[in-house]
Amino acid sequence: MDAYERTLGWLYSLEKAKGIDLKLDRVAAGLAALGDPQRQLRCFHVAGTNGKGSVVAYLNEVLGAAGYRVGRYTSPHLVELTERIQVDGLEISREEVVALGDEIRRRVLDRGIELTFFEIVTAMGFLHFARAGVDFVALEVGLGGRLDATNLVDPTVAIITSVGIDHTRFLGSSLAQIAAEKAGIAKPGRPLVVGPMAGEAAEVIDRIALGVGAPIYRAHREFRWEVDADQRLSFEGLGWSLRDVDVGLDGAHQRDNAAVAIAALAAVRADVPVDETALRRGLAGVLWPGRLQTVSELPRTIVDGAHNVDAMRALASELARTAVTGARTHVLFAAMGDKEWPAMIQILAPHCASAVVTEVLPERAAPVERMKDAFAAYCPASVERDPARAFAMVRAAAGVADRVLVTGSLFLVGAVLQLLDMAAPTGACR
């Protein structure tokens, strides 16, 4: 076992032992012991139930196309931990992960400050970005917002892409409670850009933004957009007017995410100049693995990390929109036990000709037999617990004109990308 594997073993042992523990005082102390590297960073801080990783990807590409040196922080990873921390599209090296892990142990943990897996990786990211001298960081919230380890930055702009029911154990069971957690990233005097939202979630976010003194820019209020038959985007608001913008990610929901990213850039255009050429090039050229990603043809094989009800609705809408007469959809599905998997299957299964249910992370997985039974109400369904054999089964069931869909869990998507030897994101294709 080399030094990197030993570091991964240590980090994952912390994840297993400590799990998720949302607090800011502990990570604040840890970052202070490291010299508060986050204070050196100008961040686009992105929260949301769905779409936050995509918005980070758009911002990363546009800012890079505009000539800025850009850090990108995302989670979870699909194949390799190093995916989470990138500068100018290059993943952090394994050697740097080892060195930063050793440094954090020496300067933080050895002083009695105990951090979780995510807090340590976030500290690694802040240190790496500060030392690389990036101009901006596209920073994805890990969970919620208010108590997330990333929420020690003073952002250039804060962004909330969406609010839906997910992670209820940590964030609350109502849209109002979850919205309040996500709105916790709002900071005094810093713009807050909010994606499509209505009802109690919108009211809560408006109230919190007003309370902290954050100027708020809401979708369909301060900015709006339209999508034409060719899936090109036209945007209006916040001083920008754009027509016929090509967006590099598939799916109608990705046009919503692109519009939110444009709005975030427009909200800070005086401080972060981006010309229209860079904007168009970045949006068209973006890659974001595991999101409606076509990984092979004959049969067409698509992986999508939809893992909650709202994301599954968006996926089902795309399956219906892109359906081809005579072509059937065969699904490989897995889900974590803390997800609303019965509702997810109820949304997805009517679009499927057959289903194979598998499991990744068995200790966290939803019960495979019960998931199979849920699919069986709509289509033939079977269980194969080994993901590699399950993937082979679902591909064998599909004709060359059909499509294979892998979904339900980003962990499953990562496992399939690994089977295909497609290290994300450089191996990604649309």
Protein backbone atom coordinates (compact mmCIF):
# COMPACT_ATOMS: atom_id res chain seq x y z
CA MET A 1 0.00 0.00 0.00
CA ASP A 2 1.50 3.35 -1.04
CA ALA A 3 1.27 6.65 0.85
CA TYR A 4 -1.80 7.81 -1.08
CA GLU A 5 -3.71 4.60 -0.36
CA ARG A 6 -2.77 4.91 3.32
CA THR A 7 -4.06 8.50 3.33
CA LEU A 8 -7.32 7.39 1.70
CA GLY A 9 -7.66 4.61 4.26
CA TRP A 10 -7.24 7.11 7.07
CA LEU A 11 -9.75 9.54 5.58
CA TYR A 12 -12.37 6.88 4.90
CA SER A 13 -11.93 5.48 8.39
CA LEU A 14 -12.83 8.93 9.70
CA GLU A 15 -15.87 9.03 7.43
CA LYS A 16 -17.02 5.68 8.76
CA ALA A 17 -16.31 6.51 12.41
CA LYS A 18 -17.54 10.12 12.53
CA GLY A 19 -20.03 10.29 9.68
CA ILE A 20 -21.70 13.66 9.14
CA ASP A 21 -21.56 16.12 12.02
CA LEU A 22 -22.65 19.60 10.95
CA LYS A 23 -20.89 22.19 13.11
CA LEU A 24 -18.77 25.22 12.30
CA ASP A 25 -16.80 25.80 15.52
CA ARG A 26 -14.63 22.73 15.03
CA VAL A 27 -13.67 23.40 11.42
CA ALA A 28 -13.24 27.11 12.20
CA ALA A 29 -10.65 26.17 14.82
CA GLY A 30 -8.95 23.82 12.38
CA LEU A 31 -8.76 26.43 9.63
CA ALA A 32 -7.46 29.01 12.10
CA ALA A 33 -4.63 26.62 13.01
CA LEU A 34 -3.83 26.47 9.28
CA GLY A 35 -3.73 30.27 8.93
CA ASP A 36 -7.30 30.65 7.63
CA PRO A 37 -6.52 29.97 3.95
CA GLN A 38 -10.20 30.47 3.05
CA ARG A 39 -9.83 34.18 3.77
CA GLN A 40 -7.50 34.49 0.80
CA LEU A 41 -10.12 33.17 -1.62
CA ARG A 42 -12.79 34.86 -3.73
CA CYS A 43 -15.56 32.30 -4.03
CA PHE A 44 -18.72 31.66 -5.95
CA HIS A 45 -20.43 29.70 -3.16
CA VAL A 46 -23.11 27.34 -4.48
CA ALA A 47 -25.79 25.54 -2.44
CA GLY A 48 -28.90 23.67 -3.55
CA THR A 49 -30.68 20.33 -3.42
CA ASN A 50 -30.03 19.72 -7.11
CA GLY A 51 -27.97 21.52 -9.72
CA LYS A 52 -25.23 22.95 -7.53
CA GLY A 53 -22.47 20.81 -9.05
CA SER A 54 -23.62 21.72 -12.56
CA VAL A 55 -23.62 25.44 -11.71
CA VAL A 56 -20.10 25.04 -10.33
CA ALA A 57 -19.08 23.35 -13.59
CA TYR A 58 -20.53 26.21 -15.67
CA LEU A 59 -18.86 28.87 -13.54
CA ASN A 60 -15.55 27.04 -13.68
CA GLU A 61 -15.61 26.87 -17.48
CA VAL A 62 -16.78 30.44 -18.06
CA LEU A 63 -14.29 31.98 -15.64
CA GLY A 64 -11.52 29.88 -17.16
CA ALA A 65 -12.51 30.97 -20.66
CA ALA A 66 -12.35 34.58 -19.46
CA GLY A 67 -8.71 34.06 -18.52
CA TYR A 68 -9.03 33.66 -14.78
CA ARG A 69 -7.18 31.04 -12.77
CA VAL A 70 -9.99 29.00 -11.25
CA GLY A 71 -10.26 26.47 -8.44
CA ARG A 72 -13.16 24.04 -8.39
CA TYR A 73 -14.37 22.21 -5.29
CA THR A 74 -17.11 19.59 -5.62
CA SER A 75 -18.45 16.52 -3.84
CA PRO A 76 -18.87 13.64 -3.87
CA HIS A 77 -16.33 12.27 -6.32
CA LEU A 78 -17.29 9.64 -8.87
CA VAL A 79 -14.09 7.62 -9.19
CA GLU A 80 -11.18 9.30 -7.44
CA LEU A 81 -10.95 11.64 -4.43
CA THR A 82 -8.68 13.96 -6.41
CA GLU A 83 -11.67 14.94 -8.60
CA ARG A 84 -12.98 17.09 -5.75
CA ILE A 85 -10.14 19.64 -5.84
CA GLN A 86 -9.08 21.07 -9.20
CA VAL A 87 -7.20 24.11 -10.47
CA ASP A 88 -7.62 25.12 -14.10
CA GLY A 89 -9.14 21.72 -14.82
CA LEU A 90 -6.27 19.75 -13.31
CA GLU A 91 -7.00 17.51 -10.35
CA ILE A 92 -4.91 17.79 -7.23
CA SER A 93 -2.09 15.25 -7.34
CA ARG A 94 -2.02 12.19 -5.14
CA GLU A 95 1.27 13.42 -3.68
CA GLU A 96 -0.36 16.71 -2.69
CA VAL A 97 -3.25 14.86 -1.03
CA VAL A 98 -0.71 12.94 1.05
CA ALA A 99 1.28 16.06 1.92
CA LEU A 100 -1.81 18.06 2.87
CA GLY A 101 -3.17 15.18 4.91
CA ASP A 102 0.08 14.96 6.84
CA GLU A 103 0.11 18.73 7.36
CA ILE A 104 -3.45 18.81 8.67
CA ARG A 105 -2.75 15.95 11.04
CA ARG A 106 0.34 17.71 12.36
CA ARG A 107 -1.04 21.26 12.60
CA VAL A 108 -4.67 20.52 13.52
CA LEU A 109 -5.44 17.00 14.72
CA ASP A 110 -2.31 16.72 16.87
CA ARG A 111 -3.48 19.86 18.68
CA GLY A 112 -6.64 18.05 19.74
CA ILE A 113 -8.93 19.54 17.09
CA GLU A 114 -10.95 16.63 15.69
CA LEU A 115 -12.27 17.02 12.15
CA THR A 116 -14.54 14.87 10.01
CA PHE A 117 -13.65 13.45 6.59
CA PHE A 118 -15.42 16.27 4.75
CA GLU A 119 -13.91 18.96 6.97
CA ILE A 120 -10.40 17.67 6.30
CA VAL A 121 -10.95 17.47 2.54
CA THR A 122 -12.43 20.98 2.58
CA ALA A 123 -9.37 22.26 4.45
CA MET A 124 -7.18 20.52 1.85
CA GLY A 125 -9.07 22.35 -0.87
CA PHE A 126 -8.72 25.75 0.79
CA LEU A 127 -4.98 25.25 1.30
CA HIS A 128 -4.46 24.01 -2.26
CA PHE A 129 -6.37 26.92 -3.80
CA ALA A 130 -4.67 29.56 -1.65
CA ARG A 131 -1.20 28.24 -2.46
CA ALA A 132 -2.03 27.96 -6.17
CA GLY A 133 -2.96 31.63 -6.18
CA VAL A 134 -6.30 31.15 -7.91
CA ASP A 135 -8.33 34.20 -8.86
CA PHE A 136 -11.65 32.56 -7.98
CA VAL A 137 -13.04 29.33 -6.56
CA ALA A 138 -16.28 27.73 -7.73
CA LEU A 139 -17.18 26.19 -4.38
CA GLU A 140 -19.91 23.60 -3.93
CA VAL A 141 -21.60 23.20 -0.55
CA GLY A 142 -21.37 19.66 0.75
CA LEU A 143 -24.65 19.44 2.68
CA GLY A 144 -27.17 22.15 3.48
CA GLY A 145 -25.26 25.39 3.83
CA ARG A 146 -25.59 27.08 7.22
CA LEU A 147 -23.42 24.55 9.07
CA ASP A 148 -21.49 23.17 6.11
CA ALA A 149 -17.69 23.26 6.37
CA THR A 150 -17.50 25.44 3.25
CA ASN A 151 -19.52 28.18 4.97
CA LEU A 152 -16.49 29.88 6.48
CA VAL A 153 -15.81 31.79 3.28
CA ASP A 154 -16.88 35.37 2.63
CA PRO A 155 -18.17 34.81 -0.91
CA THR A 156 -18.05 37.13 -3.88
CA VAL A 157 -21.55 35.84 -4.58
CA ALA A 158 -23.72 33.17 -2.97
CA ILE A 159 -26.03 30.98 -5.04
CA ILE A 160 -28.95 28.68 -4.20
CA THR A 161 -29.93 26.57 -7.19
CA SER A 162 -32.98 24.75 -5.84
CA VAL A 163 -34.70 23.50 -2.69
CA GLY A 164 -36.20 20.02 -2.47
CA ILE A 165 -36.72 17.28 0.06
CA ASP A 166 -33.42 15.47 0.70
CA HIS A 167 -31.13 14.72 3.65
CA THR A 168 -34.08 15.22 6.01
CA ARG A 169 -32.15 13.70 8.91
CA PHE A 170 -29.78 16.67 8.87
CA LEU A 171 -31.72 19.50 7.24
CA GLY A 172 -35.31 19.03 8.35
CA SER A 173 -38.39 17.48 6.81
CA SER A 174 -40.09 20.56 5.30
CA LEU A 175 -39.15 22.80 2.39
CA ALA A 176 -39.11 25.76 4.77
CA GLN A 177 -36.58 24.09 7.09
CA ILE A 178 -34.35 22.99 4.22
CA ALA A 179 -34.53 26.42 2.59
CA ALA A 180 -33.44 28.01 5.86
CA GLU A 181 -30.39 25.75 6.02
CA LYS A 182 -29.40 26.58 2.45
CA ALA A 183 -30.01 30.30 2.93
CA GLY A 184 -27.43 30.16 5.72
CA ILE A 185 -24.77 30.85 3.08
CA ALA A 186 -26.14 34.41 2.59
CA LYS A 187 -23.67 37.04 3.80
CA PRO A 188 -24.05 40.76 4.53
CA GLY A 189 -23.59 42.87 1.42
CA ARG A 190 -22.89 39.87 -0.83
CA PRO A 191 -25.30 39.14 -3.70
CA LEU A 192 -27.49 36.07 -3.29
CA VAL A 193 -28.70 34.55 -6.58
CA VAL A 194 -31.62 32.13 -6.31
CA GLY A 195 -32.82 29.66 -8.93
CA PRO A 196 -36.42 28.68 -9.71
CA MET A 197 -38.33 28.58 -6.45
CA ALA A 198 -41.79 29.26 -5.14
CA GLY A 199 -43.95 29.14 -2.04
CA GLU A 200 -42.55 28.74 1.43
CA ALA A 201 -38.97 28.05 0.30
CA ALA A 202 -38.84 31.35 -1.59
CA GLU A 203 -40.40 33.23 1.33
CA VAL A 204 -37.88 31.81 3.80
CA ILE A 205 -34.91 32.66 1.58
CA ASP A 206 -36.19 36.21 0.98
CA ARG A 207 -36.65 36.74 4.71
CA ILE A 208 -33.18 35.43 5.63
CA ALA A 209 -31.49 37.46 2.89
CA LEU A 210 -33.23 40.60 4.11
CA GLY A 211 -32.26 39.81 7.69
CA VAL A 212 -28.53 39.53 6.95
CA GLY A 213 -28.47 42.36 4.41
CA ALA A 214 -27.75 40.28 1.31
CA PRO A 215 -29.05 41.73 -1.98
CA ILE A 216 -31.19 38.98 -3.50
CA TYR A 217 -31.73 38.22 -7.20
CA ARG A 218 -34.46 35.69 -7.88
CA ALA A 219 -35.21 33.65 -11.00
CA HIS A 220 -38.31 34.88 -12.84
CA ARG A 221 -38.16 38.13 -10.89
CA GLU A 222 -34.80 39.85 -11.47
CA PHE A 223 -33.76 37.53 -14.31
CA ARG A 224 -35.51 35.16 -16.71
CA TRP A 225 -34.77 32.91 -19.66
CA GLU A 226 -36.33 30.97 -22.50
CA VAL A 227 -35.28 27.79 -24.33
CA ASP A 228 -35.97 27.24 -28.02
CA ALA A 229 -36.70 24.01 -29.87
CA ASP A 230 -32.96 23.42 -30.38
CA GLN A 231 -32.35 23.73 -26.62
CA ARG A 232 -30.56 27.05 -27.00
CA LEU A 233 -30.91 29.52 -24.14
CA SER A 234 -31.88 33.19 -24.23
CA PHE A 235 -31.30 35.16 -21.02
CA GLU A 236 -32.55 38.56 -19.87
CA GLY A 237 -31.83 40.45 -16.65
CA LEU A 238 -29.27 42.04 -14.33
CA GLY A 239 -28.00 44.18 -17.19
CA TRP A 240 -27.41 41.30 -19.60
CA SER A 241 -29.33 40.28 -22.69
CA LEU A 242 -28.17 37.11 -24.45
CA ARG A 243 -29.70 35.21 -27.35
CA ASP A 244 -29.25 31.68 -28.69
CA VAL A 245 -26.66 30.45 -26.20
CA ASP A 246 -25.51 26.85 -26.65
CA VAL A 247 -25.27 24.83 -23.42
CA GLY A 248 -22.93 21.87 -23.31
CA LEU A 249 -24.88 19.68 -20.88
CA ASP A 250 -27.94 17.72 -21.92
CA GLY A 251 -31.34 18.22 -20.34
CA ALA A 252 -33.91 20.99 -19.97
CA HIS A 253 -32.99 21.31 -16.30
CA GLN A 254 -29.44 22.13 -17.34
CA ARG A 255 -30.75 25.26 -19.08
CA ASP A 256 -32.13 26.34 -15.69
CA ASN A 257 -28.73 25.70 -14.11
CA ALA A 258 -26.96 27.61 -16.89
CA ALA A 259 -29.29 30.58 -16.40
CA VAL A 260 -28.50 30.64 -12.68
CA ALA A 261 -24.77 30.61 -13.44
CA ILE A 262 -25.21 33.48 -15.92
CA ALA A 263 -27.16 35.44 -13.30
CA ALA A 264 -24.41 34.91 -10.73
CA LEU A 265 -21.82 36.27 -13.15
CA ALA A 266 -24.08 39.18 -14.09
CA ALA A 267 -24.62 40.07 -10.43
CA VAL A 268 -20.87 40.67 -9.94
CA ARG A 269 -19.94 41.81 -13.44
CA ALA A 270 -18.48 45.08 -12.18
CA ASP A 271 -15.94 43.21 -10.05
CA VAL A 272 -15.55 40.08 -12.19
CA PRO A 273 -15.53 41.12 -15.85
CA VAL A 274 -16.52 38.32 -18.26
CA ASP A 275 -17.10 39.10 -21.92
CA GLU A 276 -19.80 37.48 -24.02
CA THR A 277 -17.32 35.41 -26.03
CA ALA A 278 -15.95 33.77 -22.87
CA LEU A 279 -19.47 33.24 -21.54
CA ARG A 280 -20.62 31.48 -24.69
CA ARG A 281 -17.46 29.40 -25.00
CA GLY A 282 -17.59 28.30 -21.38
CA LEU A 283 -21.26 27.34 -21.39
CA ALA A 284 -20.93 25.41 -24.65
CA GLY A 285 -17.76 23.60 -23.65
CA VAL A 286 -18.67 22.46 -20.13
CA LEU A 287 -18.30 18.81 -19.10
CA TRP A 288 -19.86 17.43 -15.93
CA PRO A 289 -19.55 13.63 -15.67
CA GLY A 290 -22.39 11.48 -14.45
CA ARG A 291 -25.17 13.87 -15.40
CA LEU A 292 -27.09 12.66 -18.45
CA GLN A 293 -23.73 11.50 -19.75
CA THR A 294 -23.66 9.19 -22.74
CA VAL A 295 -20.77 6.79 -22.20
CA SER A 296 -21.20 4.39 -25.13
CA GLU A 297 -23.38 3.60 -28.14
CA LEU A 298 -25.08 0.50 -29.58
CA PRO A 299 -26.86 0.38 -27.25
CA ARG A 300 -26.72 3.97 -26.16
CA THR A 301 -25.68 3.90 -22.50
CA ILE A 302 -26.45 6.87 -20.27
CA VAL A 303 -25.37 7.47 -16.68
CA ASP A 304 -27.16 10.00 -14.50
CA GLY A 305 -26.64 10.56 -10.79
CA ALA A 306 -30.26 11.43 -9.96
CA HIS A 307 -30.62 10.43 -6.31
CA ASN A 308 -33.66 12.27 -5.00
CA VAL A 309 -37.24 12.86 -6.09
CA ASP A 310 -36.75 16.20 -7.86
CA ALA A 311 -33.71 14.95 -9.77
CA MET A 312 -35.60 11.82 -10.80
CA ARG A 313 -38.49 13.94 -12.09
CA ALA A 314 -36.02 15.89 -14.24
CA LEU A 315 -34.51 12.65 -15.54
CA ALA A 316 -37.92 11.13 -16.31
CA SER A 317 -38.85 14.29 -18.21
CA GLU A 318 -35.73 13.94 -20.33
CA LEU A 319 -36.43 10.26 -20.98
CA ALA A 320 -39.89 11.19 -22.25
CA ARG A 321 -38.61 14.14 -24.29
CA THR A 322 -35.90 12.10 -26.02
CA ALA A 323 -37.87 8.86 -26.45
CA VAL A 324 -37.54 7.22 -29.86
CA THR A 325 -40.34 5.07 -31.25
CA GLY A 326 -39.47 1.40 -30.90
CA ALA A 327 -36.47 2.01 -28.61
CA ARG A 328 -36.83 0.71 -25.07
CA THR A 329 -35.08 1.85 -21.89
CA HIS A 330 -33.41 -0.74 -19.62
CA VAL A 331 -32.35 0.56 -16.23
CA LEU A 332 -29.63 -0.38 -13.75
CA PHE A 333 -30.67 1.09 -10.41
CA ALA A 334 -29.25 1.43 -6.91
CA ALA A 335 -30.12 3.78 -4.08
CA MET A 336 -29.03 4.59 -0.58
CA GLY A 337 -31.38 3.60 2.22
CA ASP A 338 -31.85 7.18 3.44
CA LYS A 339 -33.28 8.31 0.10
CA GLU A 340 -36.93 8.41 -0.97
CA TRP A 341 -36.33 5.47 -3.27
CA PRO A 342 -39.97 4.27 -3.48
CA ALA A 343 -41.01 7.64 -4.90
CA MET A 344 -37.96 7.71 -7.18
CA ILE A 345 -38.85 4.30 -8.61
CA GLN A 346 -42.50 5.29 -9.02
CA ILE A 347 -41.36 8.23 -11.17
CA LEU A 348 -38.78 6.28 -13.19
CA ALA A 349 -40.28 2.82 -13.67
CA PRO A 350 -43.07 3.78 -16.13
CA HIS A 351 -40.34 4.72 -18.61
CA CYS A 352 -38.50 1.38 -18.32
CA ALA A 353 -38.81 -1.87 -20.26
CA SER A 354 -36.77 -3.79 -17.66
CA ALA A 355 -34.80 -3.15 -14.48
CA VAL A 356 -31.83 -4.69 -12.73
CA VAL A 357 -31.39 -3.62 -9.11
CA THR A 358 -27.95 -3.70 -7.53
CA GLU A 359 -26.18 -2.25 -4.51
CA VAL A 360 -23.13 -0.14 -3.85
CA LEU A 361 -21.95 0.58 -0.31
CA PRO A 362 -23.97 -2.36 1.07
CA GLU A 363 -23.98 -0.97 4.61
CA ARG A 364 -25.88 2.11 3.36
CA ALA A 365 -27.87 0.55 0.51
CA ALA A 366 -31.64 0.43 0.25
CA PRO A 367 -33.10 -3.13 0.36
CA VAL A 368 -32.63 -4.60 -3.11
CA GLU A 369 -35.53 -7.06 -2.97
CA ARG A 370 -37.97 -4.31 -2.04
CA MET A 371 -36.62 -2.08 -4.82
CA LYS A 372 -37.01 -4.95 -7.28
CA ASP A 373 -40.63 -5.42 -6.19
CA ALA A 374 -41.29 -1.72 -6.69
CA PHE A 375 -40.00 -1.92 -10.28
CA ALA A 376 -41.88 -5.19 -10.91
CA ALA A 377 -45.20 -3.36 -10.68
CA TYR A 378 -44.22 -1.67 -13.97
CA CYS A 379 -41.71 -3.89 -15.79
CA PRO A 380 -39.72 -7.15 -15.47
CA ALA A 381 -37.17 -6.70 -12.69
CA SER A 382 -34.34 -8.70 -11.15
CA VAL A 383 -31.61 -8.40 -8.52
CA GLU A 384 -27.88 -8.75 -9.00
CA ARG A 385 -25.94 -7.47 -6.02
CA ASP A 386 -22.61 -7.26 -7.82
CA PRO A 387 -22.57 -4.00 -9.85
CA ALA A 388 -20.28 -5.35 -12.57
CA ARG A 389 -22.45 -8.39 -13.24
CA ALA A 390 -25.58 -6.25 -12.96
CA PHE A 391 -24.25 -3.82 -15.58
CA ALA A 392 -23.48 -6.72 -17.92
CA MET A 393 -27.02 -8.05 -17.41
CA VAL A 394 -28.77 -4.81 -18.26
CA ARG A 395 -26.63 -4.28 -21.36
CA ALA A 396 -27.34 -7.82 -22.51
CA ALA A 397 -31.09 -7.15 -22.21
CA ALA A 398 -30.92 -4.16 -24.54
CA GLY A 399 -31.05 -4.29 -28.31
CA VAL A 400 -28.71 -2.08 -30.33
CA ALA A 401 -31.50 0.47 -30.87
CA ASP A 402 -32.44 0.56 -27.18
CA ARG A 403 -30.88 2.60 -24.42
CA VAL A 404 -29.34 1.56 -21.11
CA LEU A 405 -29.74 3.91 -18.15
CA VAL A 406 -27.66 3.78 -14.96
CA THR A 407 -29.14 5.89 -12.17
CA GLY A 408 -30.33 6.22 -8.57
CA SER A 409 -26.96 6.89 -6.96
CA LEU A 410 -23.80 8.82 -7.79
CA PHE A 411 -21.91 5.95 -6.17
CA LEU A 412 -23.38 3.57 -8.76
CA VAL A 413 -22.51 5.98 -11.56
CA GLY A 414 -18.94 6.15 -10.30
CA ALA A 415 -18.72 2.35 -10.14
CA VAL A 416 -19.89 2.06 -13.75
CA LEU A 417 -17.50 4.75 -14.96
CA GLN A 418 -14.73 2.80 -13.26
CA LEU A 419 -15.86 -0.39 -15.00
CA LEU A 420 -15.66 1.47 -18.30
CA ASP A 421 -12.25 2.86 -17.33
CA MET A 422 -13.57 6.39 -17.70
CA ALA A 423 -11.82 8.38 -15.01
CA ALA A 424 -13.85 11.53 -14.44
CA PRO A 425 -13.75 14.16 -15.75
CA THR A 426 -11.11 13.74 -18.46
CA GLY A 427 -12.73 10.54 -19.70
CA ALA A 428 -16.15 12.15 -19.84
CA CYS A 429 -18.13 12.50 -23.01
CA ARG A 430 -21.56 13.81 -23.79
